[in-house]
Amino acid sequence: MNKTNKNVTFLSSIGLIAAPLIWGFSFVVVKDSLDSIGPVWMIAFRYTIAFVLLSVFCAGRLRGINLKSLRRGAVLGVFLFLAYFFQTVGCKYTTAGKNAFLTTIYVVLVPLLGWPLFGKKPGWHVALAALLCLSGIGLISLGNGESLFSMNLGDILTLVCGVFYALHILYMSRCNEGEDALVLTVIQFGVAAVLGWCIAPFYDGAFPFAALQSLRVVFSMLFLGIFASLVAFVLQNVGLKYVPPALASLFLSLEAVFGMASSVIFLHEKISPRAAVGCTLIFSSILLAEVVPQLRKKTA
C-alpha cells in the first residue's frame, strides 16, 4: 500500500469513528430537545433538512430517477420513519444511554430476520450474539427482582425501533443491487420527512412555534438534520469504501459506547454496576455479530 492509499484509509477510518461519535451525541440532543418539541415534529424537521441538502448535492443524479427507485426508496423511508419514531418516543421515557445501547439490537436482528425473510441461515456466532444481547438487555432494562414484563415503556419502544432498523438494513441491502444508494437515500429522507409532517399534528399537536423561538431548539434541529442525518451518512459510506469491513464494523459499533458516554458527560446520567455489565454484554454481542462474519470471509 502506497503512502496516498494509507492516508486515504487513515482519513476514512477517522470518518468511521466520527460518524458513530455524532450519532452517539445525537441521543443527548434528542433527549434534551424532547422537553421542548414533540418527537414526530423533531423527525419532520430533521429529515426535511437532510432531504433538502442532499437533494441539492445529488441534483444531477436525481434527473434519471425512475418508478422502481421511487417505490424502493418509499419503502425504505417508511422503515426509516418507524425506526426513528419508536427510538425518539422511546428516548422520552428512558435514559439517553439506555436508548443508545438498546437501539443496537438491530445488529443481532439483521442476521436473525434475514433467515426467514431471505433464507440466509445465520452461523453459530449469531446465536451466541443473541444470547449475549438478551442477557445485556435484561441487565440494563430490568431492576432488581423485576420480571421481563416490568420493563419500562421507553425500553420496549427502543427495542421495537431496533426491529425496524434491522428491516431497513435488510431491504437496503436488497435494493443496493443496480440502484444508486444516494438517490435511494434522498427518497427515503423525503418520505420520512413527509410522514413526519403528516403525523406530527395528530400525535404531537399544533406546530411548535414557541419551541422554534429558542435558539437551542433550532440549533438542535440543525445538528440532527445536518450532522446526525447527512454528514454522518456521508462519512459512513465513504469510509466503507476504503476501510476493511471488519475494521469498519468495529468503528461503527462504537455508536452505543459514545451514546452512553455522552449521556453520562452531558446529562449526568448514572450507570449502575449491573447496567455496566449489561452494556458490556451488548457491545460484545455487536462485535460478535458484525466482525466474525467479515473475518470468516477474509479467511475463506
C-alpha atoms as a PDB file:
ATOM      1  CA  MET A   1       0.000   0.000   0.000  1.00  0.00           C
ATOM      2  CA  ASN A   2       1.494   3.340  -1.050  1.00  0.00           C
ATOM      3  CA  LYS A   3       1.522   6.493   1.066  1.00  0.00           C
ATOM      4  CA  THR A   4      -1.517   8.012  -0.677  1.00  0.00           C
ATOM      5  CA  ASN A   5      -3.628   4.894  -0.086  1.00  0.00           C
ATOM      6  CA  LYS A   6      -2.517   4.780   3.533  1.00  0.00           C
ATOM      7  CA  ASN A   7      -3.559   8.407   4.007  1.00  0.00           C
ATOM      8  CA  VAL A   8      -6.957   7.753   2.405  1.00  0.00           C
ATOM      9  CA  THR A   9      -7.500   4.703   4.610  1.00  0.00           C
ATOM     10  CA  PHE A  10      -6.457   6.626   7.710  1.00  0.00           C
ATOM     11  CA  LEU A  11      -8.784   9.549   6.935  1.00  0.00           C
ATOM     12  CA  SER A  12     -11.613   7.130   6.132  1.00  0.00           C
ATOM     13  CA  SER A  13     -11.053   5.406   9.473  1.00  0.00           C
ATOM     14  CA  ILE A  14     -11.261   8.779  11.216  1.00  0.00           C
ATOM     15  CA  GLY A  15     -14.557   9.338   9.408  1.00  0.00           C
ATOM     16  CA  LEU A  16     -15.874   5.967  10.557  1.00  0.00           C
ATOM     17  CA  ILE A  17     -15.103   6.948  14.134  1.00  0.00           C
ATOM     18  CA  ALA A  18     -16.575  10.434  13.717  1.00  0.00           C
ATOM     19  CA  ALA A  19     -19.891   9.083  12.374  1.00  0.00           C
ATOM     20  CA  PRO A  20     -20.775   6.983  15.468  1.00  0.00           C
ATOM     21  CA  LEU A  21     -19.457   9.825  17.644  1.00  0.00           C
ATOM     22  CA  ILE A  22     -22.022  12.131  16.021  1.00  0.00           C
ATOM     23  CA  TRP A  23     -24.773   9.529  16.356  1.00  0.00           C
ATOM     24  CA  GLY A  24     -23.820   8.878  19.955  1.00  0.00           C
ATOM     25  CA  PHE A  25     -24.051  12.570  20.836  1.00  0.00           C
ATOM     26  CA  SER A  26     -27.350  12.846  18.944  1.00  0.00           C
ATOM     27  CA  PHE A  27     -29.024  10.723  21.646  1.00  0.00           C
ATOM     28  CA  VAL A  28     -28.213  13.518  24.110  1.00  0.00           C
ATOM     29  CA  VAL A  29     -29.533  16.178  21.719  1.00  0.00           C
ATOM     30  CA  VAL A  30     -32.770  14.249  21.198  1.00  0.00           C
ATOM     31  CA  LYS A  31     -33.271  13.666  24.924  1.00  0.00           C
ATOM     32  CA  ASP A  32     -32.652  17.322  25.713  1.00  0.00           C
ATOM     33  CA  SER A  33     -34.908  18.585  22.906  1.00  0.00           C
ATOM     34  CA  LEU A  34     -37.875  16.386  23.862  1.00  0.00           C
ATOM     35  CA  ASP A  35     -38.588  18.798  26.719  1.00  0.00           C
ATOM     36  CA  SER A  36     -39.378  21.491  24.145  1.00  0.00           C
ATOM     37  CA  ILE A  37     -40.581  19.769  20.979  1.00  0.00           C
ATOM     38  CA  GLY A  38     -42.608  16.652  20.157  1.00  0.00           C
ATOM     39  CA  PRO A  39     -40.828  13.556  18.817  1.00  0.00           C
ATOM     40  CA  VAL A  40     -42.621  13.497  15.456  1.00  0.00           C
ATOM     41  CA  TRP A  41     -42.077  17.210  14.809  1.00  0.00           C
ATOM     42  CA  MET A  42     -38.421  16.523  15.561  1.00  0.00           C
ATOM     43  CA  ILE A  43     -38.359  13.797  12.909  1.00  0.00           C
ATOM     44  CA  ALA A  44     -40.122  16.077  10.411  1.00  0.00           C
ATOM     45  CA  PHE A  45     -37.587  18.885  10.876  1.00  0.00           C
ATOM     46  CA  ARG A  46     -34.611  16.545  10.948  1.00  0.00           C
ATOM     47  CA  TYR A  47     -35.375  14.775   7.688  1.00  0.00           C
ATOM     48  CA  THR A  48     -36.646  17.852   5.884  1.00  0.00           C
ATOM     49  CA  ILE A  49     -33.260  19.493   6.453  1.00  0.00           C
ATOM     50  CA  ALA A  50     -31.398  16.330   5.394  1.00  0.00           C
ATOM     51  CA  PHE A  51     -33.641  15.860   2.331  1.00  0.00           C
ATOM     52  CA  VAL A  52     -33.214  19.435   1.066  1.00  0.00           C
ATOM     53  CA  LEU A  53     -29.426  19.466   1.491  1.00  0.00           C
ATOM     54  CA  LEU A  54     -28.867  16.011  -0.009  1.00  0.00           C
ATOM     55  CA  SER A  55     -31.221  16.811  -2.908  1.00  0.00           C
ATOM     56  CA  VAL A  56     -29.089  19.843  -3.783  1.00  0.00           C
ATOM     57  CA  PHE A  57     -25.920  17.751  -3.506  1.00  0.00           C
ATOM     58  CA  CYS A  58     -27.372  14.973  -5.691  1.00  0.00           C
ATOM     59  CA  ALA A  59     -29.323  17.147  -8.144  1.00  0.00           C
ATOM     60  CA  GLY A  60     -27.585  15.617 -11.156  1.00  0.00           C
ATOM     61  CA  ARG A  61     -28.235  12.055 -10.021  1.00  0.00           C
ATOM     62  CA  LEU A  62     -31.941  12.707  -9.427  1.00  0.00           C
ATOM     63  CA  ARG A  63     -32.605  13.570 -13.075  1.00  0.00           C
ATOM     64  CA  GLY A  64     -32.570   9.916 -14.072  1.00  0.00           C
ATOM     65  CA  ILE A  65     -34.845   8.718 -11.284  1.00  0.00           C
ATOM     66  CA  ASN A  66     -37.389   6.018 -12.204  1.00  0.00           C
ATOM     67  CA  LEU A  67     -40.539   4.479 -10.722  1.00  0.00           C
ATOM     68  CA  LYS A  68     -38.655   1.440  -9.391  1.00  0.00           C
ATOM     69  CA  SER A  69     -36.273   3.646  -7.403  1.00  0.00           C
ATOM     70  CA  LEU A  70     -39.178   5.707  -6.092  1.00  0.00           C
ATOM     71  CA  ARG A  71     -41.004   2.595  -4.927  1.00  0.00           C
ATOM     72  CA  ARG A  72     -37.950   1.134  -3.210  1.00  0.00           C
ATOM     73  CA  GLY A  73     -36.988   4.449  -1.651  1.00  0.00           C
ATOM     74  CA  ALA A  74     -40.529   4.892  -0.347  1.00  0.00           C
ATOM     75  CA  VAL A  75     -40.453   1.524   1.440  1.00  0.00           C
ATOM     76  CA  LEU A  76     -37.065   2.393   2.926  1.00  0.00           C
ATOM     77  CA  GLY A  77     -38.467   5.749   4.025  1.00  0.00           C
ATOM     78  CA  VAL A  78     -41.338   4.080   5.870  1.00  0.00           C
ATOM     79  CA  PHE A  79     -38.932   1.750   7.703  1.00  0.00           C
ATOM     80  CA  LEU A  80     -36.659   4.697   8.498  1.00  0.00           C
ATOM     81  CA  PHE A  81     -39.532   6.788   9.849  1.00  0.00           C
ATOM     82  CA  LEU A  82     -40.862   3.954  12.022  1.00  0.00           C
ATOM     83  CA  ALA A  83     -37.393   3.221  13.390  1.00  0.00           C
ATOM     84  CA  TYR A  84     -36.802   6.845  14.362  1.00  0.00           C
ATOM     85  CA  PHE A  85     -40.371   7.231  15.636  1.00  0.00           C
ATOM     86  CA  PHE A  86     -40.023   4.400  18.141  1.00  0.00           C
ATOM     87  CA  GLN A  87     -36.467   5.435  19.006  1.00  0.00           C
ATOM     88  CA  THR A  88     -37.358   9.091  19.589  1.00  0.00           C
ATOM     89  CA  VAL A  89     -40.546   8.383  21.527  1.00  0.00           C
ATOM     90  CA  GLY A  90     -38.679   5.706  23.474  1.00  0.00           C
ATOM     91  CA  CYS A  91     -35.990   8.221  24.424  1.00  0.00           C
ATOM     92  CA  LYS A  92     -38.736  10.283  26.062  1.00  0.00           C
ATOM     93  CA  TYR A  93     -39.412   7.523  28.585  1.00  0.00           C
ATOM     94  CA  THR A  94     -35.934   6.108  29.183  1.00  0.00           C
ATOM     95  CA  THR A  95     -32.403   7.463  29.547  1.00  0.00           C
ATOM     96  CA  ALA A  96     -30.347   8.525  26.522  1.00  0.00           C
ATOM     97  CA  GLY A  97     -27.670   5.981  27.419  1.00  0.00           C
ATOM     98  CA  LYS A  98     -30.082   3.058  27.555  1.00  0.00           C
ATOM     99  CA  ASN A  99     -31.727   4.291  24.362  1.00  0.00           C
ATOM    100  CA  ALA A 100     -28.339   4.226  22.609  1.00  0.00           C
ATOM    101  CA  PHE A 101     -27.409   0.727  23.709  1.00  0.00           C
ATOM    102  CA  LEU A 102     -30.831  -0.897  23.258  1.00  0.00           C
ATOM    103  CA  THR A 103     -31.132   0.532  19.732  1.00  0.00           C
ATOM    104  CA  THR A 104     -28.114  -1.534  18.676  1.00  0.00           C
ATOM    105  CA  ILE A 105     -30.119  -4.757  18.980  1.00  0.00           C
ATOM    106  CA  TYR A 106     -30.620  -4.332  15.210  1.00  0.00           C
ATOM    107  CA  VAL A 107     -27.078  -5.630  14.693  1.00  0.00           C
ATOM    108  CA  VAL A 108     -28.105  -9.020  16.066  1.00  0.00           C
ATOM    109  CA  LEU A 109     -31.582  -8.926  14.494  1.00  0.00           C
ATOM    110  CA  VAL A 110     -30.294  -8.422  10.938  1.00  0.00           C
ATOM    111  CA  PRO A 111     -28.930 -11.980  10.534  1.00  0.00           C
ATOM    112  CA  LEU A 112     -31.799 -13.449  12.580  1.00  0.00           C
ATOM    113  CA  LEU A 113     -34.519 -11.803  10.451  1.00  0.00           C
ATOM    114  CA  GLY A 114     -32.552 -12.481   7.289  1.00  0.00           C
ATOM    115  CA  TRP A 115     -33.101 -16.208   7.821  1.00  0.00           C
ATOM    116  CA  PRO A 116     -36.929 -16.343   7.468  1.00  0.00           C
ATOM    117  CA  LEU A 117     -37.067 -13.418   5.014  1.00  0.00           C
ATOM    118  CA  PHE A 118     -34.263 -14.354   2.614  1.00  0.00           C
ATOM    119  CA  GLY A 119     -33.354 -17.916   3.575  1.00  0.00           C
ATOM    120  CA  LYS A 120     -29.884 -16.987   4.832  1.00  0.00           C
ATOM    121  CA  LYS A 121     -29.188 -19.272   7.768  1.00  0.00           C
ATOM    122  CA  PRO A 122     -27.114 -17.486  10.430  1.00  0.00           C
ATOM    123  CA  GLY A 123     -23.958 -19.060  11.822  1.00  0.00           C
ATOM    124  CA  TRP A 124     -23.261 -20.188  15.392  1.00  0.00           C
ATOM    125  CA  HIS A 125     -21.881 -16.766  16.292  1.00  0.00           C
ATOM    126  CA  VAL A 126     -25.325 -15.184  15.745  1.00  0.00           C
ATOM    127  CA  ALA A 127     -26.963 -17.482  18.301  1.00  0.00           C
ATOM    128  CA  LEU A 128     -24.254 -16.645  20.817  1.00  0.00           C
ATOM    129  CA  ALA A 129     -24.525 -12.931  19.999  1.00  0.00           C
ATOM    130  CA  ALA A 130     -28.310 -13.063  20.507  1.00  0.00           C
ATOM    131  CA  LEU A 131     -27.858 -14.752  23.887  1.00  0.00           C
ATOM    132  CA  LEU A 132     -25.309 -12.147  24.991  1.00  0.00           C
ATOM    133  CA  CYS A 133     -27.526  -9.334  23.711  1.00  0.00           C
ATOM    134  CA  LEU A 134     -30.643 -10.589  25.515  1.00  0.00           C
ATOM    135  CA  SER A 135     -28.669 -11.006  28.723  1.00  0.00           C
ATOM    136  CA  GLY A 136     -27.362  -7.458  28.377  1.00  0.00           C
ATOM    137  CA  ILE A 137     -30.849  -6.093  27.704  1.00  0.00           C
ATOM    138  CA  GLY A 138     -32.120  -7.789  30.839  1.00  0.00           C
ATOM    139  CA  LEU A 139     -29.358  -6.320  32.981  1.00  0.00           C
ATOM    140  CA  ILE A 140     -29.822  -2.811  31.565  1.00  0.00           C
ATOM    141  CA  SER A 141     -33.600  -2.671  31.437  1.00  0.00           C
ATOM    142  CA  LEU A 142     -34.800  -4.642  34.433  1.00  0.00           C
ATOM    143  CA  GLY A 143     -34.481  -3.541  38.012  1.00  0.00           C
ATOM    144  CA  ASN A 144     -33.616  -5.865  40.854  1.00  0.00           C
ATOM    145  CA  GLY A 145     -36.259  -8.522  41.255  1.00  0.00           C
ATOM    146  CA  GLU A 146     -38.287  -7.351  38.264  1.00  0.00           C
ATOM    147  CA  SER A 147     -39.702  -9.623  35.578  1.00  0.00           C
ATOM    148  CA  LEU A 148     -39.452  -9.229  31.812  1.00  0.00           C
ATOM    149  CA  PHE A 149     -42.919  -7.683  31.754  1.00  0.00           C
ATOM    150  CA  SER A 150     -41.880  -4.829  34.051  1.00  0.00           C
ATOM    151  CA  MET A 151     -39.520  -3.195  31.525  1.00  0.00           C
ATOM    152  CA  ASN A 152     -40.312   0.476  31.211  1.00  0.00           C
ATOM    153  CA  LEU A 153     -42.150   1.798  28.159  1.00  0.00           C
ATOM    154  CA  GLY A 154     -39.099   3.600  26.777  1.00  0.00           C
ATOM    155  CA  ASP A 155     -37.000   0.424  26.777  1.00  0.00           C
ATOM    156  CA  ILE A 156     -39.724  -1.555  24.984  1.00  0.00           C
ATOM    157  CA  LEU A 157     -40.233   1.154  22.336  1.00  0.00           C
ATOM    158  CA  THR A 158     -36.467   1.327  21.769  1.00  0.00           C
ATOM    159  CA  LEU A 159     -36.329  -2.422  21.183  1.00  0.00           C
ATOM    160  CA  VAL A 160     -39.178  -2.104  18.650  1.00  0.00           C
ATOM    161  CA  CYS A 161     -37.128   0.600  16.941  1.00  0.00           C
ATOM    162  CA  GLY A 162     -34.296  -1.941  16.579  1.00  0.00           C
ATOM    163  CA  VAL A 163     -36.631  -4.249  14.637  1.00  0.00           C
ATOM    164  CA  PHE A 164     -37.396  -1.532  12.064  1.00  0.00           C
ATOM    165  CA  TYR A 165     -33.719  -0.601  11.787  1.00  0.00           C
ATOM    166  CA  ALA A 166     -32.984  -4.255  11.005  1.00  0.00           C
ATOM    167  CA  LEU A 167     -35.744  -4.368   8.360  1.00  0.00           C
ATOM    168  CA  HIS A 168     -34.409  -1.135   6.875  1.00  0.00           C
ATOM    169  CA  ILE A 169     -30.887  -2.563   6.612  1.00  0.00           C
ATOM    170  CA  LEU A 170     -32.092  -5.842   5.115  1.00  0.00           C
ATOM    171  CA  TYR A 171     -34.233  -4.130   2.488  1.00  0.00           C
ATOM    172  CA  MET A 172     -31.482  -1.615   1.720  1.00  0.00           C
ATOM    173  CA  SER A 173     -29.068  -4.477   1.096  1.00  0.00           C
ATOM    174  CA  ARG A 174     -31.511  -5.908  -1.452  1.00  0.00           C
ATOM    175  CA  CYS A 175     -32.150  -2.546  -3.113  1.00  0.00           C
ATOM    176  CA  ASN A 176     -28.494  -1.600  -3.467  1.00  0.00           C
ATOM    177  CA  GLU A 177     -28.102  -4.020  -6.369  1.00  0.00           C
ATOM    178  CA  GLY A 178     -28.448  -1.940  -9.509  1.00  0.00           C
ATOM    179  CA  GLU A 179     -29.576   1.171  -7.625  1.00  0.00           C
ATOM    180  CA  ASP A 180     -27.859   4.446  -6.764  1.00  0.00           C
ATOM    181  CA  ALA A 181     -27.527   4.442  -2.978  1.00  0.00           C
ATOM    182  CA  LEU A 182     -27.523   8.240  -2.780  1.00  0.00           C
ATOM    183  CA  VAL A 183     -30.730   8.502  -4.826  1.00  0.00           C
ATOM    184  CA  LEU A 184     -32.415   5.942  -2.574  1.00  0.00           C
ATOM    185  CA  THR A 185     -31.256   7.915   0.444  1.00  0.00           C
ATOM    186  CA  VAL A 186     -32.713  11.171  -0.899  1.00  0.00           C
ATOM    187  CA  ILE A 187     -36.054   9.451  -1.470  1.00  0.00           C
ATOM    188  CA  GLN A 188     -36.170   7.831   1.950  1.00  0.00           C
ATOM    189  CA  PHE A 189     -35.225  11.104   3.646  1.00  0.00           C
ATOM    190  CA  GLY A 190     -38.087  12.760   1.743  1.00  0.00           C
ATOM    191  CA  VAL A 191     -40.612  10.065   2.648  1.00  0.00           C
ATOM    192  CA  ALA A 192     -39.600  10.148   6.322  1.00  0.00           C
ATOM    193  CA  ALA A 193     -39.993  13.941   6.299  1.00  0.00           C
ATOM    194  CA  VAL A 194     -43.448  13.793   4.655  1.00  0.00           C
ATOM    195  CA  LEU A 195     -44.644  11.163   7.133  1.00  0.00           C
ATOM    196  CA  GLY A 196     -43.377  13.349   9.952  1.00  0.00           C
ATOM    197  CA  TRP A 197     -45.252  16.420   8.680  1.00  0.00           C
ATOM    198  CA  CYS A 198     -48.449  14.399   8.171  1.00  0.00           C
ATOM    199  CA  ILE A 199     -48.439  12.592  11.535  1.00  0.00           C
ATOM    200  CA  ALA A 200     -46.972  15.262  13.841  1.00  0.00           C
ATOM    201  CA  PRO A 201     -50.144  17.418  14.088  1.00  0.00           C
ATOM    202  CA  PHE A 202     -52.126  14.376  15.241  1.00  0.00           C
ATOM    203  CA  TYR A 203     -49.505  12.875  17.557  1.00  0.00           C
ATOM    204  CA  ASP A 204     -47.743  15.969  18.945  1.00  0.00           C
ATOM    205  CA  GLY A 205     -50.352  18.667  18.408  1.00  0.00           C
ATOM    206  CA  ALA A 206     -50.078  22.086  16.819  1.00  0.00           C
ATOM    207  CA  PHE A 207     -46.958  23.362  15.066  1.00  0.00           C
ATOM    208  CA  PRO A 208     -44.347  24.209  17.753  1.00  0.00           C
ATOM    209  CA  PHE A 209     -43.938  27.935  17.019  1.00  0.00           C
ATOM    210  CA  ALA A 210     -42.952  28.668  20.621  1.00  0.00           C
ATOM    211  CA  ALA A 211     -40.253  25.987  20.682  1.00  0.00           C
ATOM    212  CA  LEU A 212     -38.668  27.281  17.470  1.00  0.00           C
ATOM    213  CA  GLN A 213     -38.192  30.685  19.044  1.00  0.00           C
ATOM    214  CA  SER A 214     -35.489  29.073  21.161  1.00  0.00           C
ATOM    215  CA  LEU A 215     -32.053  29.135  19.547  1.00  0.00           C
ATOM    216  CA  ARG A 216     -31.205  25.986  21.487  1.00  0.00           C
ATOM    217  CA  VAL A 217     -34.015  24.055  19.801  1.00  0.00           C
ATOM    218  CA  VAL A 218     -33.178  25.487  16.366  1.00  0.00           C
ATOM    219  CA  PHE A 219     -29.522  24.533  16.697  1.00  0.00           C
ATOM    220  CA  SER A 220     -30.555  21.059  17.911  1.00  0.00           C
ATOM    221  CA  MET A 221     -32.731  20.504  14.819  1.00  0.00           C
ATOM    222  CA  LEU A 222     -29.923  21.752  12.570  1.00  0.00           C
ATOM    223  CA  PHE A 223     -27.462  19.404  14.267  1.00  0.00           C
ATOM    224  CA  LEU A 224     -29.792  16.417  13.831  1.00  0.00           C
ATOM    225  CA  GLY A 225     -30.555  17.279  10.207  1.00  0.00           C
ATOM    226  CA  ILE A 226     -27.100  18.305   9.016  1.00  0.00           C
ATOM    227  CA  PHE A 227     -24.700  16.282  11.124  1.00  0.00           C
ATOM    228  CA  ALA A 228     -26.595  13.268  12.531  1.00  0.00           C
ATOM    229  CA  SER A 229     -28.541  12.567   9.321  1.00  0.00           C
ATOM    230  CA  LEU A 230     -26.430  13.899   6.440  1.00  0.00           C
ATOM    231  CA  VAL A 231     -22.757  14.275   7.421  1.00  0.00           C
ATOM    232  CA  ALA A 232     -22.626  11.015   9.401  1.00  0.00           C
ATOM    233  CA  PHE A 233     -24.198   9.177   6.463  1.00  0.00           C
ATOM    234  CA  VAL A 234     -21.576  10.534   4.040  1.00  0.00           C
ATOM    235  CA  LEU A 235     -18.724   9.689   6.436  1.00  0.00           C
ATOM    236  CA  GLN A 236     -20.058   6.161   6.806  1.00  0.00           C
ATOM    237  CA  ASN A 237     -20.428   5.496   3.091  1.00  0.00           C
ATOM    238  CA  VAL A 238     -17.064   6.971   2.126  1.00  0.00           C
ATOM    239  CA  GLY A 239     -15.384   5.078   4.950  1.00  0.00           C
ATOM    240  CA  LEU A 240     -16.926   1.755   3.947  1.00  0.00           C
ATOM    241  CA  LYS A 241     -15.364   2.181   0.504  1.00  0.00           C
ATOM    242  CA  TYR A 242     -11.763   2.373   1.775  1.00  0.00           C
ATOM    243  CA  VAL A 243     -11.677   0.573   5.139  1.00  0.00           C
ATOM    244  CA  PRO A 244     -11.789  -3.246   5.506  1.00  0.00           C
ATOM    245  CA  PRO A 245     -15.324  -4.384   6.536  1.00  0.00           C
ATOM    246  CA  ALA A 246     -14.249  -5.984   9.832  1.00  0.00           C
ATOM    247  CA  LEU A 247     -12.489  -2.823  10.974  1.00  0.00           C
ATOM    248  CA  ALA A 248     -15.329  -0.621   9.712  1.00  0.00           C
ATOM    249  CA  SER A 249     -17.859  -2.669  11.677  1.00  0.00           C
ATOM    250  CA  LEU A 250     -15.771  -2.262  14.803  1.00  0.00           C
ATOM    251  CA  PHE A 251     -15.640   1.515  14.375  1.00  0.00           C
ATOM    252  CA  LEU A 252     -19.377   1.873  13.654  1.00  0.00           C
ATOM    253  CA  SER A 253     -20.341  -0.260  16.658  1.00  0.00           C
ATOM    254  CA  LEU A 254     -18.848   2.461  18.860  1.00  0.00           C
ATOM    255  CA  GLU A 255     -22.138   4.356  18.472  1.00  0.00           C
ATOM    256  CA  ALA A 256     -23.531   2.638  21.568  1.00  0.00           C
ATOM    257  CA  VAL A 257     -20.418   3.416  23.609  1.00  0.00           C
ATOM    258  CA  PHE A 258     -20.377   7.074  22.523  1.00  0.00           C
ATOM    259  CA  GLY A 259     -24.098   7.328  23.251  1.00  0.00           C
ATOM    260  CA  MET A 260     -23.699   6.062  26.786  1.00  0.00           C
ATOM    261  CA  ALA A 261     -20.591   8.188  27.404  1.00  0.00           C
ATOM    262  CA  SER A 262     -22.350  11.323  26.107  1.00  0.00           C
ATOM    263  CA  SER A 263     -25.341  10.731  28.362  1.00  0.00           C
ATOM    264  CA  VAL A 264     -23.049  10.452  31.396  1.00  0.00           C
ATOM    265  CA  ILE A 265     -20.989  13.544  30.487  1.00  0.00           C
ATOM    266  CA  PHE A 266     -23.705  15.919  29.290  1.00  0.00           C
ATOM    267  CA  LEU A 267     -26.881  14.668  31.003  1.00  0.00           C
ATOM    268  CA  HIS A 268     -25.173  13.392  34.173  1.00  0.00           C
ATOM    269  CA  GLU A 269     -26.886  10.027  33.891  1.00  0.00           C
ATOM    270  CA  LYS A 270     -25.604   7.382  36.282  1.00  0.00           C
ATOM    271  CA  ILE A 271     -24.686   3.838  35.315  1.00  0.00           C
ATOM    272  CA  SER A 272     -25.128   1.133  37.924  1.00  0.00           C
ATOM    273  CA  PRO A 273     -22.618  -1.752  38.040  1.00  0.00           C
ATOM    274  CA  ARG A 274     -25.389  -4.033  36.793  1.00  0.00           C
ATOM    275  CA  ALA A 275     -26.125  -1.761  33.803  1.00  0.00           C
ATOM    276  CA  ALA A 276     -22.390  -1.511  33.057  1.00  0.00           C
ATOM    277  CA  VAL A 277     -22.192  -5.303  32.790  1.00  0.00           C
ATOM    278  CA  GLY A 278     -25.278  -5.247  30.568  1.00  0.00           C
ATOM    279  CA  CYS A 279     -23.688  -2.663  28.260  1.00  0.00           C
ATOM    280  CA  THR A 280     -20.551  -4.779  28.064  1.00  0.00           C
ATOM    281  CA  LEU A 281     -22.577  -7.848  27.058  1.00  0.00           C
ATOM    282  CA  ILE A 282     -24.498  -5.932  24.380  1.00  0.00           C
ATOM    283  CA  PHE A 283     -21.310  -4.407  22.976  1.00  0.00           C
ATOM    284  CA  SER A 284     -19.730  -7.883  22.912  1.00  0.00           C
ATOM    285  CA  SER A 285     -22.749  -9.204  21.006  1.00  0.00           C
ATOM    286  CA  ILE A 286     -22.399  -6.351  18.472  1.00  0.00           C
ATOM    287  CA  LEU A 287     -18.760  -7.184  17.855  1.00  0.00           C
ATOM    288  CA  LEU A 288     -19.556 -10.897  17.583  1.00  0.00           C
ATOM    289  CA  ALA A 289     -22.401 -10.329  15.113  1.00  0.00           C
ATOM    290  CA  GLU A 290     -20.566  -7.795  12.928  1.00  0.00           C
ATOM    291  CA  VAL A 291     -16.889  -8.678  12.961  1.00  0.00           C
ATOM    292  CA  VAL A 292     -16.891 -12.501  12.907  1.00  0.00           C
ATOM    293  CA  PRO A 293     -18.690 -12.787   9.512  1.00  0.00           C
ATOM    294  CA  GLN A 294     -16.179 -10.385   7.947  1.00  0.00           C
ATOM    295  CA  LEU A 295     -13.222 -12.284   9.393  1.00  0.00           C
ATOM    296  CA  ARG A 296     -14.656 -15.552   8.063  1.00  0.00           C
ATOM    297  CA  LYS A 297     -14.980 -14.031   4.576  1.00  0.00           C
ATOM    298  CA  LYS A 298     -11.401 -12.798   4.764  1.00  0.00           C
ATOM    299  CA  THR A 299     -10.015 -16.230   5.641  1.00  0.00           C
ATOM    300  CA  ALA A 300     -12.252 -18.149   3.231  1.00  0.00           C
END
